[in-house]
Amino acid sequence: MTTAPVSEVIEEVLPPYEGITAASVRVVRFAAEAQQALAVLMATDVIGFDTESKPTFNKGELSDGPHLIQLAADDVVFLFPVGRFVGQLASLAVLRTVLESPRILKVGFGLSDDLKRLAKKLGIDLVQVVDLSRALRQDSRNDVGAKSAVARFFGQRLRKSKKTSTSNWAQFPLTERQILYAADDAQVALRIYRLWQKSV
């Protein structure tokens, strides 16, 4: 019989992390929406960042992601579907401006693959990046995941649905569950970064 690590047992009894509401999420589809996102994102000093890609299940199959890029300000999260809308050129210009800006810090969890995919697919090379998985390590070589960080900083349990995380991120429209999952991934990183900076 196997038992779960003590940390996982403790996390399970914590109150749930409420997360973002649908009213605070914007799916960017048109050029005007991209410009609105640009104005908000360029006015902040730090953004939460993440991407989602359609999973691959067959041996040798390579992902052509990212299919969704999430950028979070303190009060709103912008979701940029890749390659689907008439405003795609405007969206890519906004993404490049924000993500390559040396003035804006980008924070997230486990960003190695995200950075590689963005560079390969869209030619976007991020600067000023903090991978919280590594930055939040204490006396451990193990990376810190978003669930552990939420338990540590908020005393709450971050619910991560495997069904949603492995869903088809290349589809449109995204389901409400996908939208909230993706938005939470980006915003929780920003919220944790803000708290972490206050504690150091």
C-alpha atoms as a PDB file:
ATOM      1  CA  MET A   1       0.000   0.000   0.000  1.00  0.00           C
ATOM      2  CA  THR A   2       1.308   3.446  -0.946  1.00  0.00           C
ATOM      3  CA  THR A   3       0.575   6.618   0.958  1.00  0.00           C
ATOM      4  CA  ALA A   4       0.514  10.187  -0.270  1.00  0.00           C
ATOM      5  CA  PRO A   5       3.250  12.577   0.904  1.00  0.00           C
ATOM      6  CA  VAL A   6       2.365  14.540   4.025  1.00  0.00           C
ATOM      7  CA  SER A   7       2.354  17.806   2.057  1.00  0.00           C
ATOM      8  CA  GLU A   8      -0.302  16.441  -0.313  1.00  0.00           C
ATOM      9  CA  VAL A   9      -2.453  15.243   2.578  1.00  0.00           C
ATOM     10  CA  ILE A  10      -2.262  18.677   4.205  1.00  0.00           C
ATOM     11  CA  GLU A  11      -3.157  20.414   0.926  1.00  0.00           C
ATOM     12  CA  GLU A  12      -6.276  18.266   0.558  1.00  0.00           C
ATOM     13  CA  VAL A  13      -7.783  19.540   3.825  1.00  0.00           C
ATOM     14  CA  LEU A  14      -7.199  23.212   3.043  1.00  0.00           C
ATOM     15  CA  PRO A  15     -10.105  25.405   1.909  1.00  0.00           C
ATOM     16  CA  PRO A  16     -10.325  25.742  -1.875  1.00  0.00           C
ATOM     17  CA  TYR A  17      -8.683  28.590  -3.758  1.00  0.00           C
ATOM     18  CA  GLU A  18     -11.552  30.524  -5.333  1.00  0.00           C
ATOM     19  CA  GLY A  19      -9.654  31.786  -8.349  1.00  0.00           C
ATOM     20  CA  ILE A  20     -10.716  34.212 -11.019  1.00  0.00           C
ATOM     21  CA  THR A  21     -14.266  34.859 -12.210  1.00  0.00           C
ATOM     22  CA  ALA A  22     -15.384  34.834 -15.830  1.00  0.00           C
ATOM     23  CA  ALA A  23     -16.113  38.581 -15.621  1.00  0.00           C
ATOM     24  CA  SER A  24     -12.383  39.241 -15.186  1.00  0.00           C
ATOM     25  CA  VAL A  25     -11.269  37.290 -18.265  1.00  0.00           C
ATOM     26  CA  ARG A  26     -11.027  38.645 -21.815  1.00  0.00           C
ATOM     27  CA  VAL A  27     -10.602  36.381 -24.833  1.00  0.00           C
ATOM     28  CA  VAL A  28      -8.778  38.485 -27.440  1.00  0.00           C
ATOM     29  CA  ARG A  29     -10.203  37.885 -30.918  1.00  0.00           C
ATOM     30  CA  PHE A  30     -10.136  41.221 -32.723  1.00  0.00           C
ATOM     31  CA  ALA A  31      -7.656  44.043 -33.292  1.00  0.00           C
ATOM     32  CA  ALA A  32      -9.567  46.457 -31.047  1.00  0.00           C
ATOM     33  CA  GLU A  33      -9.483  43.927 -28.196  1.00  0.00           C
ATOM     34  CA  ALA A  34      -5.749  43.443 -28.715  1.00  0.00           C
ATOM     35  CA  GLN A  35      -5.182  47.195 -28.400  1.00  0.00           C
ATOM     36  CA  GLN A  36      -7.218  47.300 -25.194  1.00  0.00           C
ATOM     37  CA  ALA A  37      -5.080  44.490 -23.808  1.00  0.00           C
ATOM     38  CA  LEU A  38      -1.905  46.320 -24.808  1.00  0.00           C
ATOM     39  CA  ALA A  39      -2.947  49.461 -22.939  1.00  0.00           C
ATOM     40  CA  VAL A  40      -3.622  47.513 -19.738  1.00  0.00           C
ATOM     41  CA  LEU A  41      -0.556  45.278 -19.877  1.00  0.00           C
ATOM     42  CA  MET A  42       1.924  48.042 -20.711  1.00  0.00           C
ATOM     43  CA  ALA A  43       0.686  50.009 -17.694  1.00  0.00           C
ATOM     44  CA  THR A  44       1.795  47.348 -15.201  1.00  0.00           C
ATOM     45  CA  ASP A  45       5.205  46.370 -13.889  1.00  0.00           C
ATOM     46  CA  VAL A  46       4.612  42.603 -13.624  1.00  0.00           C
ATOM     47  CA  ILE A  47       2.361  40.176 -15.473  1.00  0.00           C
ATOM     48  CA  GLY A  48       1.479  36.560 -14.872  1.00  0.00           C
ATOM     49  CA  PHE A  49       2.287  34.413 -17.893  1.00  0.00           C
ATOM     50  CA  ASP A  50       1.468  30.926 -19.133  1.00  0.00           C
ATOM     51  CA  THR A  51       0.605  29.034 -22.304  1.00  0.00           C
ATOM     52  CA  GLU A  52      -1.531  26.021 -23.143  1.00  0.00           C
ATOM     53  CA  SER A  53      -0.969  23.522 -25.946  1.00  0.00           C
ATOM     54  CA  LYS A  54      -3.074  20.741 -27.360  1.00  0.00           C
ATOM     55  CA  PRO A  55      -1.654  17.555 -25.791  1.00  0.00           C
ATOM     56  CA  THR A  56      -0.105  14.771 -27.823  1.00  0.00           C
ATOM     57  CA  PHE A  57      -0.879  11.160 -27.015  1.00  0.00           C
ATOM     58  CA  ASN A  58       0.847   9.217 -29.790  1.00  0.00           C
ATOM     59  CA  LYS A  59       4.486   8.174 -29.706  1.00  0.00           C
ATOM     60  CA  GLY A  60       6.629  10.437 -31.848  1.00  0.00           C
ATOM     61  CA  GLU A  61       3.877  13.035 -32.235  1.00  0.00           C
ATOM     62  CA  LEU A  62       5.111  16.590 -31.723  1.00  0.00           C
ATOM     63  CA  SER A  63       3.020  19.418 -30.342  1.00  0.00           C
ATOM     64  CA  ASP A  64       2.489  22.413 -32.606  1.00  0.00           C
ATOM     65  CA  GLY A  65       1.611  24.643 -29.652  1.00  0.00           C
ATOM     66  CA  PRO A  66       1.205  26.991 -28.037  1.00  0.00           C
ATOM     67  CA  HIS A  67      -2.462  27.268 -28.912  1.00  0.00           C
ATOM     68  CA  LEU A  68      -3.323  29.720 -26.137  1.00  0.00           C
ATOM     69  CA  ILE A  69      -1.261  32.425 -24.437  1.00  0.00           C
ATOM     70  CA  GLN A  70      -2.386  33.869 -21.098  1.00  0.00           C
ATOM     71  CA  LEU A  71      -1.255  37.241 -19.749  1.00  0.00           C
ATOM     72  CA  ALA A  72      -2.523  38.418 -16.363  1.00  0.00           C
ATOM     73  CA  ALA A  73      -2.622  41.887 -14.881  1.00  0.00           C
ATOM     74  CA  ASP A  74      -3.760  42.309 -11.283  1.00  0.00           C
ATOM     75  CA  ASP A  75      -7.463  42.648 -12.079  1.00  0.00           C
ATOM     76  CA  VAL A  76      -7.906  41.079 -15.510  1.00  0.00           C
ATOM     77  CA  VAL A  77      -6.514  38.195 -17.559  1.00  0.00           C
ATOM     78  CA  PHE A  78      -6.208  38.288 -21.342  1.00  0.00           C
ATOM     79  CA  LEU A  79      -6.342  35.037 -23.294  1.00  0.00           C
ATOM     80  CA  PHE A  80      -4.826  35.069 -26.775  1.00  0.00           C
ATOM     81  CA  PRO A  81      -5.859  32.093 -28.939  1.00  0.00           C
ATOM     82  CA  VAL A  82      -3.138  31.482 -31.536  1.00  0.00           C
ATOM     83  CA  GLY A  83      -4.023  31.332 -35.226  1.00  0.00           C
ATOM     84  CA  ARG A  84      -7.802  31.579 -35.127  1.00  0.00           C
ATOM     85  CA  PHE A  85      -9.124  35.100 -35.506  1.00  0.00           C
ATOM     86  CA  VAL A  86      -9.207  38.046 -37.881  1.00  0.00           C
ATOM     87  CA  GLY A  87      -7.275  40.037 -35.286  1.00  0.00           C
ATOM     88  CA  GLN A  88      -4.390  37.574 -35.222  1.00  0.00           C
ATOM     89  CA  LEU A  89      -1.756  39.949 -36.631  1.00  0.00           C
ATOM     90  CA  ALA A  90      -2.708  42.596 -34.088  1.00  0.00           C
ATOM     91  CA  SER A  91      -2.616  40.016 -31.295  1.00  0.00           C
ATOM     92  CA  LEU A  92       0.843  38.817 -32.296  1.00  0.00           C
ATOM     93  CA  ALA A  93       2.113  42.391 -32.375  1.00  0.00           C
ATOM     94  CA  VAL A  94       0.769  42.966 -28.861  1.00  0.00           C
ATOM     95  CA  LEU A  95       2.251  39.715 -27.582  1.00  0.00           C
ATOM     96  CA  ARG A  96       5.649  40.577 -29.023  1.00  0.00           C
ATOM     97  CA  THR A  97       5.577  44.100 -27.586  1.00  0.00           C
ATOM     98  CA  VAL A  98       4.624  42.948 -24.096  1.00  0.00           C
ATOM     99  CA  LEU A  99       6.654  39.757 -23.833  1.00  0.00           C
ATOM    100  CA  GLU A 100       9.829  41.264 -25.281  1.00  0.00           C
ATOM    101  CA  SER A 101       9.577  44.434 -23.185  1.00  0.00           C
ATOM    102  CA  PRO A 102      12.490  44.742 -20.721  1.00  0.00           C
ATOM    103  CA  ARG A 103      10.333  46.999 -18.541  1.00  0.00           C
ATOM    104  CA  ILE A 104       7.724  44.358 -17.699  1.00  0.00           C
ATOM    105  CA  LEU A 105       8.564  41.358 -15.527  1.00  0.00           C
ATOM    106  CA  LYS A 106       6.908  38.080 -16.555  1.00  0.00           C
ATOM    107  CA  VAL A 107       6.250  35.486 -13.862  1.00  0.00           C
ATOM    108  CA  GLY A 108       4.920  31.946 -14.057  1.00  0.00           C
ATOM    109  CA  PHE A 109       5.440  28.317 -13.115  1.00  0.00           C
ATOM    110  CA  GLY A 110       7.458  25.775 -15.107  1.00  0.00           C
ATOM    111  CA  LEU A 111       8.118  28.072 -18.035  1.00  0.00           C
ATOM    112  CA  SER A 112      10.899  26.212 -19.834  1.00  0.00           C
ATOM    113  CA  ASP A 113       8.679  24.562 -22.454  1.00  0.00           C
ATOM    114  CA  ASP A 114       6.524  27.667 -22.826  1.00  0.00           C
ATOM    115  CA  LEU A 115       9.543  29.786 -23.714  1.00  0.00           C
ATOM    116  CA  LYS A 116      10.847  27.266 -26.235  1.00  0.00           C
ATOM    117  CA  ARG A 117       7.488  26.889 -27.963  1.00  0.00           C
ATOM    118  CA  LEU A 118       6.931  30.632 -28.189  1.00  0.00           C
ATOM    119  CA  ALA A 119      10.340  31.133 -29.749  1.00  0.00           C
ATOM    120  CA  LYS A 120       9.900  28.263 -32.191  1.00  0.00           C
ATOM    121  CA  LYS A 121       6.331  28.935 -33.309  1.00  0.00           C
ATOM    122  CA  LEU A 122       6.040  32.712 -33.100  1.00  0.00           C
ATOM    123  CA  GLY A 123       9.635  33.929 -32.957  1.00  0.00           C
ATOM    124  CA  ILE A 124       8.985  35.667 -29.630  1.00  0.00           C
ATOM    125  CA  ASP A 125      11.912  35.714 -27.208  1.00  0.00           C
ATOM    126  CA  LEU A 126      10.872  36.685 -23.700  1.00  0.00           C
ATOM    127  CA  VAL A 127      13.046  38.885 -21.520  1.00  0.00           C
ATOM    128  CA  GLN A 128      12.747  39.671 -17.812  1.00  0.00           C
ATOM    129  CA  VAL A 129      11.324  36.284 -16.808  1.00  0.00           C
ATOM    130  CA  VAL A 130      11.029  34.761 -13.327  1.00  0.00           C
ATOM    131  CA  ASP A 131      10.178  31.062 -13.181  1.00  0.00           C
ATOM    132  CA  LEU A 132       8.572  30.743  -9.760  1.00  0.00           C
ATOM    133  CA  SER A 133       9.061  26.973  -9.777  1.00  0.00           C
ATOM    134  CA  ARG A 134      12.749  27.640  -9.224  1.00  0.00           C
ATOM    135  CA  ALA A 135      12.639  31.008  -7.501  1.00  0.00           C
ATOM    136  CA  LEU A 136      10.438  29.709  -4.663  1.00  0.00           C
ATOM    137  CA  ARG A 137      12.639  26.745  -3.795  1.00  0.00           C
ATOM    138  CA  GLN A 138      13.624  26.839  -0.154  1.00  0.00           C
ATOM    139  CA  ASP A 139      16.025  24.170   1.097  1.00  0.00           C
ATOM    140  CA  SER A 140      15.172  21.801  -1.708  1.00  0.00           C
ATOM    141  CA  ARG A 141      16.295  20.957  -5.205  1.00  0.00           C
ATOM    142  CA  ASN A 142      12.713  20.206  -6.145  1.00  0.00           C
ATOM    143  CA  ASP A 143      10.766  22.719  -8.192  1.00  0.00           C
ATOM    144  CA  VAL A 144       7.741  24.305  -6.525  1.00  0.00           C
ATOM    145  CA  GLY A 145       4.450  23.837  -8.342  1.00  0.00           C
ATOM    146  CA  ALA A 146       1.498  26.204  -8.345  1.00  0.00           C
ATOM    147  CA  LYS A 147      -0.496  23.928  -5.999  1.00  0.00           C
ATOM    148  CA  SER A 148       2.254  23.902  -3.371  1.00  0.00           C
ATOM    149  CA  ALA A 149       2.771  27.643  -3.709  1.00  0.00           C
ATOM    150  CA  VAL A 150      -0.937  28.372  -3.216  1.00  0.00           C
ATOM    151  CA  ALA A 151      -0.932  26.192  -0.096  1.00  0.00           C
ATOM    152  CA  ARG A 152       2.155  27.977   1.214  1.00  0.00           C
ATOM    153  CA  PHE A 153       1.165  31.582   0.513  1.00  0.00           C
ATOM    154  CA  PHE A 154      -2.637  31.484   0.719  1.00  0.00           C
ATOM    155  CA  GLY A 155      -3.285  28.491   2.955  1.00  0.00           C
ATOM    156  CA  GLN A 156      -5.651  27.249   0.270  1.00  0.00           C
ATOM    157  CA  ARG A 157      -5.960  24.319  -2.133  1.00  0.00           C
ATOM    158  CA  LEU A 158      -5.580  24.945  -5.858  1.00  0.00           C
ATOM    159  CA  ARG A 159      -7.763  22.543  -7.785  1.00  0.00           C
ATOM    160  CA  LYS A 160      -6.084  21.378 -10.988  1.00  0.00           C
ATOM    161  CA  SER A 161      -8.279  19.237 -13.217  1.00  0.00           C
ATOM    162  CA  LYS A 162      -6.279  16.756 -15.278  1.00  0.00           C
ATOM    163  CA  LYS A 163      -9.246  16.431 -17.621  1.00  0.00           C
ATOM    164  CA  THR A 164      -9.106  20.159 -18.343  1.00  0.00           C
ATOM    165  CA  SER A 165      -5.320  20.415 -18.502  1.00  0.00           C
ATOM    166  CA  THR A 166      -5.194  17.647 -21.113  1.00  0.00           C
ATOM    167  CA  SER A 167      -8.180  18.912 -23.106  1.00  0.00           C
ATOM    168  CA  ASN A 168      -8.027  20.215 -26.667  1.00  0.00           C
ATOM    169  CA  TRP A 169      -6.613  23.734 -26.411  1.00  0.00           C
ATOM    170  CA  ALA A 170      -6.658  24.100 -30.190  1.00  0.00           C
ATOM    171  CA  GLN A 171     -10.455  23.980 -30.327  1.00  0.00           C
ATOM    172  CA  PHE A 172     -12.730  26.987 -30.549  1.00  0.00           C
ATOM    173  CA  PRO A 173     -14.677  28.118 -28.749  1.00  0.00           C
ATOM    174  CA  LEU A 174     -12.966  27.141 -25.544  1.00  0.00           C
ATOM    175  CA  THR A 175     -15.247  25.885 -22.804  1.00  0.00           C
ATOM    176  CA  GLU A 176     -15.857  28.045 -19.746  1.00  0.00           C
ATOM    177  CA  ARG A 177     -13.917  25.491 -17.715  1.00  0.00           C
ATOM    178  CA  GLN A 178     -10.919  25.828 -20.044  1.00  0.00           C
ATOM    179  CA  ILE A 179     -11.120  29.619 -19.929  1.00  0.00           C
ATOM    180  CA  LEU A 180     -11.141  29.755 -16.128  1.00  0.00           C
ATOM    181  CA  TYR A 181      -8.424  27.103 -15.824  1.00  0.00           C
ATOM    182  CA  ALA A 182      -6.130  28.961 -18.214  1.00  0.00           C
ATOM    183  CA  ALA A 183      -6.796  32.348 -16.636  1.00  0.00           C
ATOM    184  CA  ASP A 184      -6.133  31.012 -13.135  1.00  0.00           C
ATOM    185  CA  ASP A 185      -2.795  29.570 -14.233  1.00  0.00           C
ATOM    186  CA  ALA A 186      -1.552  33.013 -15.201  1.00  0.00           C
ATOM    187  CA  GLN A 187      -3.140  35.079 -12.453  1.00  0.00           C
ATOM    188  CA  VAL A 188      -2.203  32.816  -9.566  1.00  0.00           C
ATOM    189  CA  ALA A 189       1.453  33.206 -10.554  1.00  0.00           C
ATOM    190  CA  LEU A 190       1.134  36.986 -10.399  1.00  0.00           C
ATOM    191  CA  ARG A 191      -0.675  36.921  -7.052  1.00  0.00           C
ATOM    192  CA  ILE A 192       1.926  34.619  -5.534  1.00  0.00           C
ATOM    193  CA  TYR A 193       4.758  36.770  -6.858  1.00  0.00           C
ATOM    194  CA  ARG A 194       3.230  39.858  -5.244  1.00  0.00           C
ATOM    195  CA  LEU A 195       2.948  38.107  -1.865  1.00  0.00           C
ATOM    196  CA  TRP A 196       6.421  36.613  -2.146  1.00  0.00           C
ATOM    197  CA  GLN A 197       7.954  40.033  -2.772  1.00  0.00           C
ATOM    198  CA  LYS A 198       6.248  41.415   0.325  1.00  0.00           C
ATOM    199  CA  SER A 199       7.730  38.613   2.418  1.00  0.00           C
ATOM    200  CA  VAL A 200      11.370  39.006   1.354  1.00  0.00           C
END
